[in-house]
Protein backbone atom coordinates (compact mmCIF):
# COMPACT_ATOMS: atom_id res chain seq x y z
CA MET A 1 -33.77 -15.65 3.05
CA ASP A 2 -31.66 -14.22 5.86
CA SER A 3 -29.90 -10.95 5.14
CA LEU A 4 -26.25 -11.00 4.10
CA CYS A 5 -23.74 -9.31 6.41
CA ILE A 6 -20.63 -7.84 4.77
CA HIS A 7 -17.60 -8.02 7.08
CA TYR A 8 -14.86 -5.56 6.17
CA HIS A 9 -11.48 -4.55 7.52
CA ARG A 10 -11.70 -1.48 9.71
CA ASP A 11 -9.83 1.06 7.54
CA PHE A 12 -10.46 3.33 4.54
CA ASP A 13 -9.81 0.53 2.06
CA GLY A 14 -12.21 -1.83 3.81
CA LEU A 15 -14.82 0.87 4.35
CA CYS A 16 -15.00 1.66 0.63
CA SER A 17 -14.95 -2.04 -0.24
CA ALA A 18 -18.00 -2.72 1.92
CA ALA A 19 -19.92 0.24 0.49
CA ILE A 20 -19.16 -0.75 -3.10
CA LEU A 21 -20.06 -4.41 -2.60
CA ALA A 22 -23.29 -3.56 -0.78
CA ALA A 23 -24.33 -1.19 -3.56
CA LEU A 24 -23.59 -3.56 -6.42
CA LEU A 25 -25.26 -6.54 -4.70
CA ARG A 26 -28.34 -4.38 -4.18
CA ASP A 27 -28.35 -3.11 -7.77
CA GLN A 28 -27.40 -6.36 -9.50
CA ARG A 29 -28.90 -9.02 -7.27
CA GLY A 30 -31.59 -7.32 -5.22
CA GLU A 31 -29.67 -8.14 -2.05
CA GLU A 32 -30.22 -5.81 0.90
CA CYS A 33 -27.09 -6.14 3.02
CA THR A 34 -25.94 -5.22 6.48
CA TRP A 35 -22.28 -4.65 7.35
CA GLU A 36 -19.95 -4.97 10.30
CA SER A 37 -16.23 -4.33 10.62
CA VAL A 38 -13.65 -6.93 11.66
CA ASN A 39 -10.08 -6.81 12.90
CA TYR A 40 -7.18 -9.17 13.53
CA ASP A 41 -8.30 -10.16 17.04
CA GLN A 42 -11.31 -11.92 15.49
CA ARG A 43 -9.10 -14.51 13.77
CA ARG A 44 -8.59 -16.54 16.94
CA ASP A 45 -11.61 -18.74 16.21
CA TRP A 46 -11.64 -18.17 12.48
CA GLU A 47 -12.98 -21.63 11.68
CA ASN A 48 -16.26 -20.78 13.43
CA PHE A 49 -16.48 -17.16 12.28
CA GLY A 50 -19.98 -16.25 11.12
CA ALA A 51 -21.38 -19.67 11.99
CA GLY A 52 -25.08 -19.92 11.23
CA THR A 53 -25.21 -16.67 9.25
CA ARG A 54 -24.93 -15.54 5.65
CA PHE A 55 -21.87 -13.38 5.22
CA ALA A 56 -19.39 -11.84 2.83
CA ILE A 57 -15.83 -10.68 3.56
CA VAL A 58 -13.91 -7.88 1.88
CA ASP A 59 -10.34 -6.71 2.46
CA PHE A 60 -9.77 -9.45 5.03
CA HIS A 61 -8.79 -13.09 5.40
CA PHE A 62 -10.23 -15.83 3.24
CA HIS A 63 -13.06 -17.86 4.75
CA PRO A 64 -14.51 -20.83 2.83
CA GLU A 65 -18.05 -20.15 4.09
CA ALA A 66 -18.16 -16.60 2.73
CA GLU A 67 -20.75 -16.23 -0.02
CA TYR A 68 -18.70 -13.38 -1.47
CA TRP A 69 -15.04 -12.76 -0.76
CA PHE A 70 -12.57 -10.23 -2.14
CA ASP A 71 -9.08 -9.50 -0.87
CA HIS A 72 -5.66 -8.31 -2.00
CA HIS A 73 -3.46 -9.26 0.95
CA PRO A 74 -0.72 -11.82 0.20
CA THR A 75 -1.15 -13.18 3.74
CA THR A 76 -4.90 -13.72 3.40
CA PHE A 77 -4.85 -17.52 3.85
CA LEU A 78 -4.38 -18.37 7.52
CA THR A 79 -3.44 -22.01 6.85
CA PRO A 80 -2.19 -24.02 3.87
CA GLN A 81 -5.47 -25.96 4.00
CA LEU A 82 -7.48 -22.78 3.50
CA ARG A 83 -5.33 -21.93 0.48
CA THR A 84 -6.32 -25.22 -1.14
CA LEU A 85 -10.02 -24.34 -0.74
CA TYR A 86 -9.75 -21.16 -2.79
CA SER A 87 -10.25 -20.97 -6.52
CA PRO A 88 -11.48 -17.94 -8.49
CA SER A 89 -15.22 -17.86 -9.12
CA ALA A 90 -18.10 -15.49 -9.80
CA ARG A 91 -18.25 -14.82 -6.04
CA TRP A 92 -14.61 -14.96 -4.93
CA ALA A 93 -11.55 -13.06 -6.14
CA TRP A 94 -8.05 -12.52 -4.82
CA ASP A 95 -5.33 -10.39 -6.39
CA GLU A 96 -2.28 -9.68 -4.28
CA ALA A 97 -1.00 -7.30 -6.97
CA SER A 98 -3.92 -4.94 -6.46
CA PRO A 99 -2.89 -1.91 -4.35
CA SER A 100 -6.25 -2.00 -2.57
CA CYS A 101 -9.49 -3.98 -2.57
CA PRO A 102 -12.11 -1.67 -4.23
CA PRO A 103 -10.53 -1.76 -7.72
CA LEU A 104 -10.47 -5.55 -7.51
CA ILE A 105 -14.19 -5.63 -6.65
CA LEU A 106 -15.09 -3.24 -9.46
CA ARG A 107 -13.05 -5.17 -12.03
CA HIS A 108 -14.61 -8.44 -10.93
CA ALA A 109 -18.12 -6.97 -11.07
CA ARG A 110 -17.57 -5.77 -14.62
CA GLU A 111 -16.25 -9.14 -15.79
CA HIS A 112 -18.71 -11.42 -13.99
CA TRP A 113 -21.84 -9.38 -13.34
CA GLY A 114 -21.88 -6.81 -16.12
CA TYR A 115 -21.78 -4.01 -13.56
CA GLU A 116 -20.73 -0.53 -14.65
CA PRO A 117 -19.79 1.44 -11.55
CA SER A 118 -20.59 5.10 -11.06
CA ALA A 119 -17.88 7.74 -11.25
CA ARG A 120 -17.99 8.18 -7.48
CA PHE A 121 -17.17 4.50 -6.89
CA GLU A 122 -14.29 4.78 -9.35
CA GLU A 123 -13.10 7.79 -7.35
CA MET A 124 -13.28 5.79 -4.11
CA ALA A 125 -11.22 3.04 -5.72
CA ARG A 126 -8.59 5.51 -6.93
CA TRP A 127 -8.18 7.07 -3.51
CA SER A 128 -8.23 3.69 -1.82
CA ASP A 129 -5.14 2.76 -3.85
CA ILE A 130 -3.43 5.97 -2.73
CA VAL A 131 -4.28 5.53 0.95
CA ASP A 132 -3.75 1.79 1.31
CA ALA A 133 -0.57 1.60 -0.76
CA ALA A 134 0.80 4.93 0.55
CA ARG A 135 0.99 6.37 -2.96
CA TYR A 136 0.98 9.92 -1.69
CA ASP A 137 2.87 12.58 -3.60
CA SER A 138 4.93 13.38 -0.52
CA VAL A 139 5.10 12.88 3.23
CA ASP A 140 3.47 16.31 3.56
CA GLN A 141 0.44 15.16 1.58
CA ALA A 142 0.25 11.99 3.66
CA ILE A 143 0.23 13.97 6.90
CA PHE A 144 -1.40 17.27 6.01
CA GLY A 145 -3.42 16.44 2.86
CA ASP A 146 -6.92 17.94 2.91
CA GLU A 147 -8.59 16.04 0.06
CA PRO A 148 -11.96 14.48 1.02
CA ALA A 149 -10.64 10.91 1.05
CA LEU A 150 -7.75 11.92 3.29
CA ARG A 151 -10.06 13.75 5.69
CA ILE A 152 -12.20 10.62 5.99
CA ALA A 153 -9.16 8.38 6.45
CA ARG A 154 -7.85 10.65 9.18
CA ALA A 155 -11.26 10.84 10.87
CA LEU A 156 -11.22 7.05 11.13
CA THR A 157 -8.23 7.28 13.47
CA VAL A 158 -10.47 8.78 16.16
CA ALA A 159 -13.67 6.85 15.44
CA PRO A 160 -15.68 6.89 18.68
CA ASN A 161 -16.81 3.28 18.22
CA ASN A 162 -17.30 0.59 15.60
CA ASP A 163 -20.94 1.54 15.05
CA TRP A 164 -19.76 4.97 13.90
CA ILE A 165 -17.50 3.34 11.33
CA ASP A 166 -20.33 1.06 10.16
CA GLY A 167 -22.46 4.17 9.72
CA LEU A 168 -19.92 5.59 7.28
CA VAL A 169 -20.41 2.56 5.03
CA GLY A 170 -24.07 3.44 4.69
CA THR A 171 -23.31 7.04 3.79
CA LEU A 172 -20.69 6.02 1.22
CA ILE A 173 -23.28 3.84 -0.53
CA ALA A 174 -25.38 6.93 -1.21
CA GLN A 175 -22.94 9.85 -1.21
CA ASP A 176 -19.62 10.80 -2.75
CA LEU A 177 -16.41 11.38 -0.84
CA GLU A 178 -16.86 15.16 -0.68
CA GLN A 179 -20.35 14.85 0.79
CA VAL A 180 -19.24 12.33 3.39
CA ALA A 181 -16.12 14.30 4.33
CA SER A 182 -18.20 17.47 4.70
CA SER A 183 -20.73 15.92 7.06
CA ALA A 184 -20.81 17.35 10.58
CA THR A 185 -19.81 14.08 12.26
CA VAL A 186 -16.85 13.41 9.99
CA GLU A 187 -15.67 17.01 10.11
CA LYS A 188 -15.80 16.96 13.92
CA ALA A 189 -13.76 13.76 13.98
CA HIS A 190 -11.32 15.14 11.41
CA GLN A 191 -10.69 18.28 13.45
CA ARG A 192 -10.01 16.17 16.53
CA ALA A 193 -7.73 13.87 14.52
CA ALA A 194 -5.84 16.85 13.10
CA ARG A 195 -5.16 18.10 16.63
CA ASN A 196 -3.95 14.62 17.54
CA ARG A 197 -1.72 14.62 14.46
CA ASP A 198 -0.08 17.87 15.46
CA ARG A 199 0.46 16.60 18.99
CA ALA A 200 1.82 13.29 17.66
CA LEU A 201 4.40 15.06 15.53
CA GLU A 202 5.55 16.97 18.62
CA GLN A 203 5.71 13.83 20.75
CA PHE A 204 7.27 11.40 18.30
CA PRO A 205 10.96 12.21 18.93
CA GLN A 206 10.66 11.12 22.59
CA THR A 207 9.35 7.68 21.55
CA VAL A 208 12.42 6.77 19.47
CA ILE A 209 14.49 3.95 20.93
CA GLY A 210 17.16 3.90 18.26
CA GLU A 211 18.12 3.49 14.63
CA ARG A 212 20.34 0.86 13.00
CA GLU A 213 21.07 0.31 9.31
CA GLY A 214 18.19 2.58 8.32
CA VAL A 215 15.65 0.87 10.61
CA LEU A 216 13.98 3.08 13.21
CA LEU A 217 12.54 1.47 16.36
CA TYR A 218 10.09 3.39 18.54
CA ASP A 219 7.76 2.75 21.45
CA ALA A 220 4.53 4.78 21.45
CA SER A 221 2.68 2.35 23.70
CA SER A 222 1.76 4.96 26.30
CA SER A 223 -1.86 6.08 26.10
CA LYS A 224 -0.56 9.63 26.57
CA ILE A 225 1.31 9.45 23.25
CA ARG A 226 -0.62 10.37 20.13
CA ARG A 227 0.02 8.38 16.99
CA GLU A 228 0.73 9.59 13.47
CA ARG A 229 1.34 6.86 10.88
CA PHE A 230 4.04 8.73 8.95
CA ALA A 231 5.65 10.66 11.83
CA ALA A 232 8.77 8.50 11.64
CA PHE A 233 9.37 9.44 8.02
CA TYR A 234 8.48 13.08 8.64
CA HIS A 235 11.19 13.34 11.32
CA HIS A 236 13.62 10.76 9.89
CA SER A 237 13.36 11.04 6.12
CA ARG A 238 16.47 8.91 5.48
CA VAL A 239 15.34 5.71 7.23
CA HIS A 240 14.06 2.80 5.15
CA TYR A 241 11.80 1.19 7.77
CA ALA A 242 10.03 2.18 10.96
CA VAL A 243 8.96 -0.42 13.54
CA GLY A 244 6.88 0.60 16.51
CA VAL A 245 4.58 -0.40 19.34
CA ILE A 246 1.25 1.38 19.66
CA PRO A 247 -1.84 0.85 21.85
CA THR A 248 -5.19 -0.43 20.59
CA ARG A 249 -8.61 -0.80 22.22
CA SER A 250 -7.87 -4.47 22.90
CA GLY A 251 -4.15 -4.40 23.72
CA PHE A 252 -0.99 -3.48 21.84
CA HIS A 253 -0.04 -3.54 18.18
CA VAL A 254 3.31 -3.89 16.47
CA THR A 255 3.39 -1.89 13.27
CA CYS A 256 6.06 -1.85 10.58
CA GLY A 257 6.30 -0.02 7.29
CA GLU A 258 8.68 0.90 4.52
CA ASN A 259 9.40 4.55 3.94
CA PRO A 260 7.44 5.21 0.71
CA TRP A 261 9.79 8.08 -0.14
CA ASN A 262 13.01 6.18 0.61
CA PRO A 263 12.34 2.44 0.11
CA PRO A 264 14.99 -0.12 1.03
CA GLY A 265 15.75 -1.37 -2.47
CA ALA A 266 17.35 -4.77 -3.04
CA GLY A 267 17.82 -5.48 0.66
CA GLY A 268 14.13 -5.12 1.42
CA CYS A 269 12.03 -7.78 3.13
CA HIS A 270 8.39 -8.84 2.84
CA ILE A 271 6.91 -7.27 5.97
CA GLY A 272 3.60 -9.10 5.72
CA GLU A 273 5.34 -12.46 5.74
CA ILE A 274 7.44 -11.45 8.74
CA MET A 275 4.33 -10.34 10.61
CA GLU A 276 2.59 -13.58 9.74
CA ARG A 277 5.13 -15.41 11.90
CA TYR A 278 3.88 -13.35 14.83
CA GLY A 279 0.18 -13.93 14.16
CA GLY A 280 -0.33 -10.85 12.01
CA GLY A 281 -0.07 -10.09 8.32
CA GLY A 282 0.03 -7.39 5.69
CA HIS A 283 1.75 -6.55 2.42
CA ARG A 284 5.33 -6.45 1.29
CA ALA A 285 5.70 -2.83 2.39
CA VAL A 286 3.53 -2.68 5.50
CA GLY A 287 2.11 -4.97 8.13
CA GLY A 288 1.21 -5.49 11.74
CA ALA A 289 0.59 -7.97 14.53
CA ASN A 290 -1.18 -8.00 17.91
CA PRO A 291 0.95 -9.80 20.53
CA ASP A 292 -0.66 -10.88 23.79
CA SER A 293 0.98 -8.31 26.07
CA LEU A 294 2.99 -5.11 26.07
CA ASP A 295 6.17 -7.02 26.92
CA ASP A 296 5.55 -9.37 24.00
CA ALA A 297 4.86 -6.43 21.70
CA ARG A 298 8.12 -4.76 22.67
CA ARG A 299 10.04 -8.00 22.18
CA VAL A 300 8.45 -8.62 18.78
CA ALA A 301 9.12 -5.07 17.61
CA ALA A 302 12.77 -5.34 18.62
CA GLU A 303 13.15 -8.72 16.90
CA ILE A 304 11.61 -7.42 13.68
CA ALA A 305 13.73 -4.28 13.72
CA GLY A 306 16.80 -6.45 14.22
CA GLU A 307 15.85 -8.76 11.36
CA LEU A 308 15.31 -5.82 9.00
CA ALA A 309 18.57 -4.16 10.03
CA SER A 310 20.47 -7.41 9.44
CA ALA A 311 18.91 -7.71 5.97
CA LEU A 312 20.04 -4.17 5.14
CA SER A 313 23.51 -4.53 6.63
CA PRO A 314 26.26 -4.39 3.98
CA SER A 315 28.07 -7.21 5.79
């Protein structure tokens, strides 16, 4: 039988999900897996994704040909037709209420496969909830936190290539978060990322375009601008949302998030659903999209900021 490739979203949540699924499939089913990350640009020919191969998907969009599939995103189904093809099973599970994907996988494995995870996998799941759902104690912990999971998550922001990220999955199968975070390659990346963070905090004020009704709009599309996910809320603690344009390896990304320490309340919108209209996705509190050009990205960011500001306007 051909080997099974686990495709996972390229972030801390997805990384841990792939490691956990690979380990439990090996231990419970004798399946030796490979793994490879995916990102939103690979949805363009989603119908033919993985054609001719055996594959699983975690922390990413539903695909009816996946042998195993686990996700928690409310925008996981790319079409209404795909939604009709999903039903819970021993191999598929979706729970949009789960803060991240690893706890969903572990719960499913207990219920369907009699799998009792190790303490280190439970620890990965706990930190995955914190990182993916921004359940940090404070903005200072989010930006300067030095716990092993946070060092790994920050190191991912300067990953030299996708193979390096795939390599971390293999180490997480065998090692705990402290061991992985203390490795020479991760520590080197973390130190570089920390320098980028400090530079990003210095540079962020010059990227701000404006603020309206508690919605901050910024443009960090220049390759000379460093990015820090929570810089907006570090500098502008009173805003409810931040919408920005940032560069990626393949183009430009529009990112939007609620302020975890000052959420919008009753006037809040579902960001993931808004981003879905622009070919992206996400959760209620955070999401993103990859428009075709920088001009499109700037237009989309401005439109989203305007929509959020209108929703929050007292009039």
